[in-house]
Amino acid sequence: MTLDLPELLHEIGRGARGARALPRATVRALFAALFTGEIAELEVGAIMLAYRIKGETADELAGMLEACAATLPHLNAPSDAPIAVVIPSYNGARKLPNLTPLLALALAARGIPVLVHGDAGDGWDRISSASIFAALGIAPCGDAAEVELALHTRRLAFVPIATLSPPLAHMLALRDRLGVRGPAHTLAKLIQPFAAPALRLVNFTHPQYREQMMALFSDAAIAGPAGVLLARGSEGEAVADPRRQVAVEWLRGGESITLIEAESGSGVAPELPLARDAATTARWIERAMAGAVEFPAPLQRQIDVIEQICKQRIARGDVPRVGASSATSS
């Protein structure tokens, strides 16, 4: 497809009210050109800013994902293990401790292969999963072979996005120059780099973003055979908010199934690390993994439900609904 960049920018760059969405195939071709470096830096910045102002439709996100998927490595999950889980970690934590590494470690301890991908370090006054993994002695993987080895030996791999997708990492880095996030920040949280089916954790902060994700993953091909677990996240991370129970929905095959019901009220405040720095959080995570402190109830339920999906204990038409008073069995 021949791209007329001035015309495309005219369509998407006329502001929140005047801009129009591009067809899925056009967006796929546009982002394919972005990923292969065929578009000059000036136009790349213009595209990022235009989408920041206009926002992406579900069809446009689908086109972006299709273009991105063609450039990702096709990782091999362990053949003797349950379905793998993909956990994006790009926000980190500012007010609460970042418990994404605890979620990953707990799933890995149950034999589930877990791939965490995200930024390589802290930024924007937030504590990243990368820094907590480092404090736990878990080094980032440097290439696809290291990812596959880590998944086979310890069922857990952390890979920086710059290793997984250098073009996507470059788009993410434009935030420092443009001052705002762009569509690459949404896209990075949606990728699935495994050759085989894998369960993706996707979180949202604003209700309108939930509706966008529901529309995007109503396409069974985009959701994939294992589907997507969608829930309101904790400060932009996919790990459960330790203070309250939110609804958790499984999007697969064009269907949406509520696996965990939301709980009104805040419930009992869990014991959490007193400080949010990486070292303190890592030591608390070690205590939690050793059984010295209890997992927050919402996190425990999240782990249980993920295990049931990945070990194929949940079938369509036979789905447990979990509320604040009960949790799924391991």
Protein backbone atom coordinates (compact mmCIF):
# COMPACT_ATOMS: atom_id res chain seq x y z
CA MET A 1 0.00 0.00 0.00
CA THR A 2 1.34 3.44 -0.98
CA LEU A 3 1.14 5.85 1.96
CA ASP A 4 0.30 9.51 1.40
CA LEU A 5 1.67 10.82 4.70
CA PRO A 6 0.48 14.44 4.33
CA GLU A 7 -3.04 13.19 3.62
CA LEU A 8 -2.98 10.72 6.51
CA LEU A 9 -1.70 13.38 8.90
CA HIS A 10 -4.44 15.68 7.64
CA GLU A 11 -7.02 13.04 8.58
CA ILE A 12 -5.72 12.26 12.08
CA GLY A 13 -4.16 15.60 12.95
CA ARG A 14 -7.18 17.93 12.95
CA GLY A 15 -7.76 17.82 16.68
CA ALA A 16 -10.01 15.83 18.99
CA ARG A 17 -13.20 16.91 17.17
CA GLY A 18 -12.03 17.31 13.58
CA ALA A 19 -9.83 14.24 13.21
CA ARG A 20 -11.12 11.08 11.59
CA ALA A 21 -10.16 7.47 12.21
CA LEU A 22 -8.15 5.64 9.58
CA PRO A 23 -9.19 2.23 8.21
CA ARG A 24 -7.58 -0.76 9.93
CA ALA A 25 -5.62 -1.77 6.82
CA THR A 26 -4.25 1.75 6.42
CA VAL A 27 -3.13 1.90 10.05
CA ARG A 28 -1.52 -1.52 9.66
CA ALA A 29 0.47 -0.28 6.65
CA LEU A 30 1.34 3.00 8.39
CA PHE A 31 2.68 1.31 11.50
CA ALA A 32 4.46 -1.35 9.47
CA ALA A 33 6.37 1.52 7.86
CA LEU A 34 7.04 3.01 11.31
CA PHE A 35 8.44 -0.29 12.58
CA THR A 36 10.73 -0.73 9.59
CA GLY A 37 12.07 2.81 9.82
CA GLU A 38 10.64 3.99 6.51
CA ILE A 39 9.17 7.19 7.98
CA ALA A 40 11.30 10.21 8.88
CA GLU A 41 11.60 11.32 12.51
CA LEU A 42 9.56 14.50 11.97
CA GLU A 43 6.58 12.58 10.62
CA VAL A 44 6.93 9.95 13.35
CA GLY A 45 6.60 12.67 15.99
CA ALA A 46 3.64 14.17 14.16
CA ILE A 47 1.87 10.79 14.07
CA MET A 48 2.49 10.22 17.78
CA LEU A 49 1.15 13.66 18.72
CA ALA A 50 -1.84 13.39 16.40
CA TYR A 51 -2.91 10.11 17.99
CA ARG A 52 -2.28 11.51 21.46
CA ILE A 53 -4.83 14.24 20.76
CA LYS A 54 -7.28 12.21 18.67
CA GLY A 55 -7.09 8.89 20.48
CA GLU A 56 -7.18 5.48 18.83
CA THR A 57 -10.27 3.53 17.84
CA ALA A 58 -10.44 -0.21 18.42
CA ASP A 59 -9.97 -0.80 14.68
CA GLU A 60 -6.92 1.44 14.60
CA LEU A 61 -5.41 -0.36 17.59
CA ALA A 62 -6.04 -3.67 15.84
CA GLY A 63 -4.10 -2.43 12.81
CA MET A 64 -1.25 -1.25 15.03
CA LEU A 65 -1.13 -4.61 16.82
CA GLU A 66 -1.06 -6.52 13.55
CA ALA A 67 1.84 -4.40 12.29
CA CYS A 68 3.72 -4.81 15.56
CA ALA A 69 3.15 -8.57 15.73
CA ALA A 70 4.89 -9.01 12.39
CA THR A 71 8.11 -7.57 13.88
CA LEU A 72 8.15 -9.40 17.23
CA PRO A 73 10.18 -12.54 17.91
CA HIS A 74 8.08 -15.70 18.07
CA LEU A 75 9.10 -16.96 21.49
CA ASN A 76 8.75 -20.62 22.41
CA ALA A 77 7.14 -21.35 25.76
CA PRO A 78 8.04 -24.57 27.58
CA SER A 79 6.19 -27.45 25.93
CA ASP A 80 5.77 -29.29 29.24
CA ALA A 81 4.14 -26.38 31.06
CA PRO A 82 0.72 -24.72 31.24
CA ILE A 83 -0.23 -21.83 28.95
CA ALA A 84 2.17 -18.90 29.36
CA VAL A 85 1.20 -15.50 30.80
CA VAL A 86 2.31 -12.15 29.36
CA ILE A 87 2.46 -9.29 31.87
CA PRO A 88 3.26 -5.76 30.65
CA SER A 89 4.94 -3.46 33.19
CA TYR A 90 5.45 0.10 32.00
CA ASN A 91 3.97 2.35 34.69
CA GLY A 92 5.66 1.22 37.88
CA ALA A 93 4.35 2.49 41.22
CA ARG A 94 4.34 5.87 42.87
CA LYS A 95 1.87 5.67 45.77
CA LEU A 96 1.72 1.91 46.36
CA PRO A 97 4.45 -0.73 46.30
CA ASN A 98 4.85 -2.30 42.87
CA LEU A 99 3.72 -5.91 43.33
CA THR A 100 3.96 -6.97 39.68
CA PRO A 101 7.12 -9.00 40.45
CA LEU A 102 5.25 -10.77 43.28
CA LEU A 103 2.46 -11.72 40.89
CA ALA A 104 5.01 -13.08 38.42
CA LEU A 105 6.94 -15.04 41.06
CA ALA A 106 3.77 -16.54 42.55
CA LEU A 107 2.58 -17.75 39.13
CA ALA A 108 6.00 -19.14 38.29
CA ALA A 109 6.01 -21.00 41.63
CA ARG A 110 2.83 -22.75 40.45
CA GLY A 111 4.61 -23.90 37.29
CA ILE A 112 3.16 -21.27 34.95
CA PRO A 113 5.60 -19.66 32.48
CA VAL A 114 5.52 -15.88 32.98
CA LEU A 115 6.97 -13.25 30.66
CA VAL A 116 7.17 -9.74 32.10
CA HIS A 117 8.16 -7.04 29.62
CA GLY A 118 8.59 -3.35 30.26
CA ASP A 119 10.94 -0.43 30.74
CA ALA A 120 14.51 -1.17 31.75
CA GLY A 121 14.59 1.20 34.72
CA ASP A 122 12.79 3.70 36.93
CA GLY A 123 11.38 6.92 35.54
CA TRP A 124 8.87 9.68 36.11
CA ASP A 125 9.13 9.27 39.91
CA ARG A 126 7.96 5.65 39.79
CA ILE A 127 9.51 2.38 40.94
CA SER A 128 9.70 -0.04 38.02
CA SER A 129 9.45 -3.81 37.98
CA ALA A 130 12.93 -3.85 36.44
CA SER A 131 14.49 -2.30 39.54
CA ILE A 132 12.60 -4.67 41.86
CA PHE A 133 13.62 -7.71 39.81
CA ALA A 134 17.21 -6.49 40.03
CA ALA A 135 16.90 -6.22 43.83
CA LEU A 136 15.56 -9.80 43.81
CA GLY A 137 18.60 -10.98 41.84
CA ILE A 138 16.64 -11.57 38.62
CA ALA A 139 18.58 -10.15 35.69
CA PRO A 140 16.87 -8.96 32.49
CA CYS A 141 17.10 -11.22 29.46
CA GLY A 142 19.30 -9.97 26.64
CA ASP A 143 17.75 -11.83 23.73
CA ALA A 144 15.08 -14.35 22.77
CA ALA A 145 17.31 -17.31 23.62
CA GLU A 146 17.80 -16.03 27.17
CA VAL A 147 14.04 -15.51 27.53
CA GLU A 148 13.32 -19.09 26.48
CA LEU A 149 16.05 -20.47 28.76
CA ALA A 150 14.70 -18.50 31.75
CA LEU A 151 11.18 -19.73 31.08
CA HIS A 152 12.39 -23.33 30.95
CA THR A 153 14.60 -23.17 34.04
CA ARG A 154 12.69 -20.90 36.43
CA ARG A 155 9.37 -20.28 34.61
CA LEU A 156 9.97 -16.50 34.81
CA ALA A 157 11.63 -14.08 32.42
CA PHE A 158 11.87 -10.30 32.47
CA VAL A 159 12.77 -8.68 29.16
CA PRO A 160 13.13 -4.94 28.49
CA ILE A 161 11.07 -3.69 25.58
CA ALA A 162 14.28 -2.48 23.91
CA THR A 163 15.31 -6.14 23.64
CA LEU A 164 11.89 -7.44 22.63
CA SER A 165 11.12 -4.70 20.09
CA PRO A 166 13.73 -1.97 19.42
CA PRO A 167 11.38 -0.01 17.10
CA LEU A 168 8.63 0.05 19.73
CA ALA A 169 11.15 1.08 22.38
CA HIS A 170 12.23 3.95 20.15
CA MET A 171 8.64 5.15 19.85
CA LEU A 172 8.22 4.94 23.63
CA ALA A 173 11.38 6.98 24.14
CA LEU A 174 9.87 9.84 22.12
CA ARG A 175 7.90 10.72 25.25
CA ASP A 176 11.01 12.39 26.65
CA ARG A 177 11.22 14.59 23.55
CA LEU A 178 7.51 15.19 22.94
CA GLY A 179 6.49 15.52 26.59
CA VAL A 180 3.43 13.27 26.27
CA ARG A 181 2.60 9.62 25.75
CA GLY A 182 1.59 8.37 22.33
CA PRO A 183 -0.08 5.28 20.89
CA ALA A 184 3.12 3.28 21.42
CA HIS A 185 2.43 3.32 25.19
CA THR A 186 -0.95 1.69 24.63
CA LEU A 187 0.44 -0.70 22.04
CA ALA A 188 3.29 -1.91 24.25
CA LYS A 189 0.83 -3.12 26.88
CA LEU A 190 -1.08 -5.24 24.36
CA ILE A 191 1.59 -7.29 22.58
CA GLN A 192 1.79 -11.09 22.67
CA PRO A 193 5.22 -12.35 21.51
CA PHE A 194 4.73 -16.11 21.94
CA ALA A 195 4.35 -18.43 18.97
CA ALA A 196 1.78 -20.50 20.89
CA PRO A 197 -1.35 -19.15 22.62
CA ALA A 198 -0.64 -17.12 25.75
CA LEU A 199 -2.84 -15.30 28.24
CA ARG A 200 -2.36 -11.52 28.30
CA LEU A 201 -3.06 -9.35 31.32
CA VAL A 202 -4.48 -5.99 30.23
CA ASN A 203 -5.39 -3.23 32.65
CA PHE A 204 -7.24 0.05 32.37
CA THR A 205 -7.52 3.18 34.49
CA HIS A 206 -10.43 5.06 32.93
CA PRO A 207 -13.85 3.50 32.13
CA GLN A 208 -13.71 4.62 28.50
CA TYR A 209 -10.48 2.66 28.05
CA ARG A 210 -12.27 -0.46 29.27
CA GLU A 211 -14.88 0.01 26.57
CA GLN A 212 -12.13 0.43 23.99
CA MET A 213 -10.46 -2.81 25.13
CA MET A 214 -13.79 -4.65 25.09
CA ALA A 215 -14.30 -3.55 21.48
CA LEU A 216 -10.72 -4.41 20.48
CA PHE A 217 -10.75 -7.89 21.96
CA SER A 218 -14.23 -8.72 20.72
CA ASP A 219 -12.24 -9.71 17.63
CA ALA A 220 -11.36 -13.32 18.46
CA ALA A 221 -8.27 -13.20 16.25
CA ILE A 222 -6.89 -10.22 18.18
CA ALA A 223 -7.72 -11.75 21.57
CA GLY A 224 -6.13 -15.05 20.59
CA PRO A 225 -7.12 -18.57 21.68
CA ALA A 226 -6.10 -18.04 25.33
CA GLY A 227 -7.79 -14.66 25.52
CA VAL A 228 -7.16 -11.59 27.61
CA LEU A 229 -7.72 -10.97 31.31
CA LEU A 230 -9.02 -7.41 31.67
CA ALA A 231 -9.26 -5.48 34.94
CA ARG A 232 -8.74 -2.04 36.44
CA GLY A 233 -5.06 -1.98 37.30
CA SER A 234 -2.98 -0.70 40.18
CA GLU A 235 -1.44 2.65 39.18
CA GLY A 236 -1.35 1.47 35.58
CA GLU A 237 0.17 -1.93 36.39
CA ALA A 238 -1.66 -5.17 35.58
CA VAL A 239 -1.28 -6.55 39.12
CA ALA A 240 -4.40 -6.43 41.30
CA ASP A 241 -4.86 -3.38 43.51
CA PRO A 242 -4.12 -4.75 47.01
CA ARG A 243 -6.66 -2.45 48.68
CA ARG A 244 -9.87 -3.30 46.84
CA GLN A 245 -11.45 -6.02 44.75
CA VAL A 246 -12.26 -5.01 41.19
CA ALA A 247 -14.03 -6.99 38.50
CA VAL A 248 -11.85 -9.28 36.40
CA GLU A 249 -13.14 -10.18 32.93
CA TRP A 250 -11.93 -12.86 30.55
CA LEU A 251 -12.21 -11.86 26.89
CA ARG A 252 -11.99 -14.80 24.51
CA GLY A 253 -13.70 -16.03 21.38
CA GLY A 254 -15.75 -12.85 21.07
CA GLU A 255 -17.19 -13.34 24.56
CA SER A 256 -16.70 -11.52 27.86
CA ILE A 257 -16.99 -13.54 31.08
CA THR A 258 -16.70 -12.02 34.55
CA LEU A 259 -14.45 -14.32 36.57
CA ILE A 260 -14.20 -12.16 39.69
CA GLU A 261 -16.98 -9.84 40.81
CA ALA A 262 -16.18 -6.34 42.06
CA GLU A 263 -16.48 -5.67 45.77
CA SER A 264 -17.94 -2.42 47.10
CA GLY A 265 -15.88 -0.72 49.77
CA SER A 266 -12.19 -1.03 50.55
CA GLY A 267 -12.29 -4.10 52.82
CA VAL A 268 -9.53 -4.95 55.28
CA ALA A 269 -6.31 -3.04 54.66
CA PRO A 270 -3.54 -5.55 53.87
CA GLU A 271 -0.05 -5.48 55.33
CA LEU A 272 2.19 -3.82 52.74
CA PRO A 273 5.80 -2.62 52.66
CA LEU A 274 6.21 0.58 54.66
CA ALA A 275 8.38 2.11 51.93
CA ARG A 276 7.93 1.80 48.19
CA ASP A 277 11.59 1.73 47.10
CA ALA A 278 12.86 -1.27 45.14
CA ALA A 279 14.96 -2.82 47.91
CA THR A 280 12.22 -2.63 50.55
CA THR A 281 9.63 -3.97 48.13
CA ALA A 282 11.93 -6.83 47.11
CA ARG A 283 12.52 -7.88 50.73
CA TRP A 284 8.76 -7.82 51.41
CA ILE A 285 8.12 -9.90 48.29
CA GLU A 286 10.66 -12.45 49.53
CA ARG A 287 8.81 -12.64 52.85
CA ALA A 288 5.48 -13.07 51.06
CA MET A 289 6.88 -15.86 48.88
CA ALA A 290 8.24 -17.55 52.03
CA GLY A 291 4.82 -17.38 53.69
CA ALA A 292 5.88 -14.88 56.35
CA VAL A 293 3.22 -12.35 55.28
CA GLU A 294 -0.12 -12.95 53.60
CA PHE A 295 -0.81 -12.01 50.01
CA PRO A 296 -3.43 -9.26 49.67
CA ALA A 297 -6.75 -10.99 49.00
CA PRO A 298 -7.36 -9.39 45.56
CA LEU A 299 -3.90 -10.49 44.43
CA GLN A 300 -4.49 -14.03 45.71
CA ARG A 301 -7.74 -14.24 43.73
CA GLN A 302 -6.00 -12.90 40.62
CA ILE A 303 -3.31 -15.59 40.92
CA ASP A 304 -5.90 -18.33 41.42
CA VAL A 305 -7.95 -17.34 38.39
CA ILE A 306 -4.88 -17.05 36.15
CA GLU A 307 -3.77 -20.51 37.26
CA GLN A 308 -7.18 -21.98 36.43
CA ILE A 309 -7.10 -20.48 32.93
CA CYS A 310 -3.50 -21.46 32.20
CA LYS A 311 -3.98 -25.00 33.47
CA GLN A 312 -7.25 -25.14 31.50
CA ARG A 313 -9.42 -25.72 34.53
CA ILE A 314 -11.86 -23.10 33.28
CA ALA A 315 -14.03 -24.06 30.34
CA ARG A 316 -16.61 -22.02 28.55
CA GLY A 317 -19.92 -22.52 30.30
CA ASP A 318 -18.22 -23.74 33.50
CA VAL A 319 -16.80 -20.55 34.97
CA PRO A 320 -16.47 -19.79 38.68
CA ARG A 321 -17.54 -16.36 39.84
CA VAL A 322 -15.36 -15.22 42.67
CA GLY A 323 -16.34 -12.51 45.10
CA ALA A 324 -14.77 -11.02 48.19
CA SER A 325 -15.95 -13.88 50.39
CA SER A 326 -14.32 -16.70 48.45
CA ALA A 327 -11.37 -17.48 46.21
CA THR A 328 -10.85 -20.07 43.55
CA SER A 329 -9.03 -23.19 44.61
CA SER A 330 -5.43 -23.81 43.57
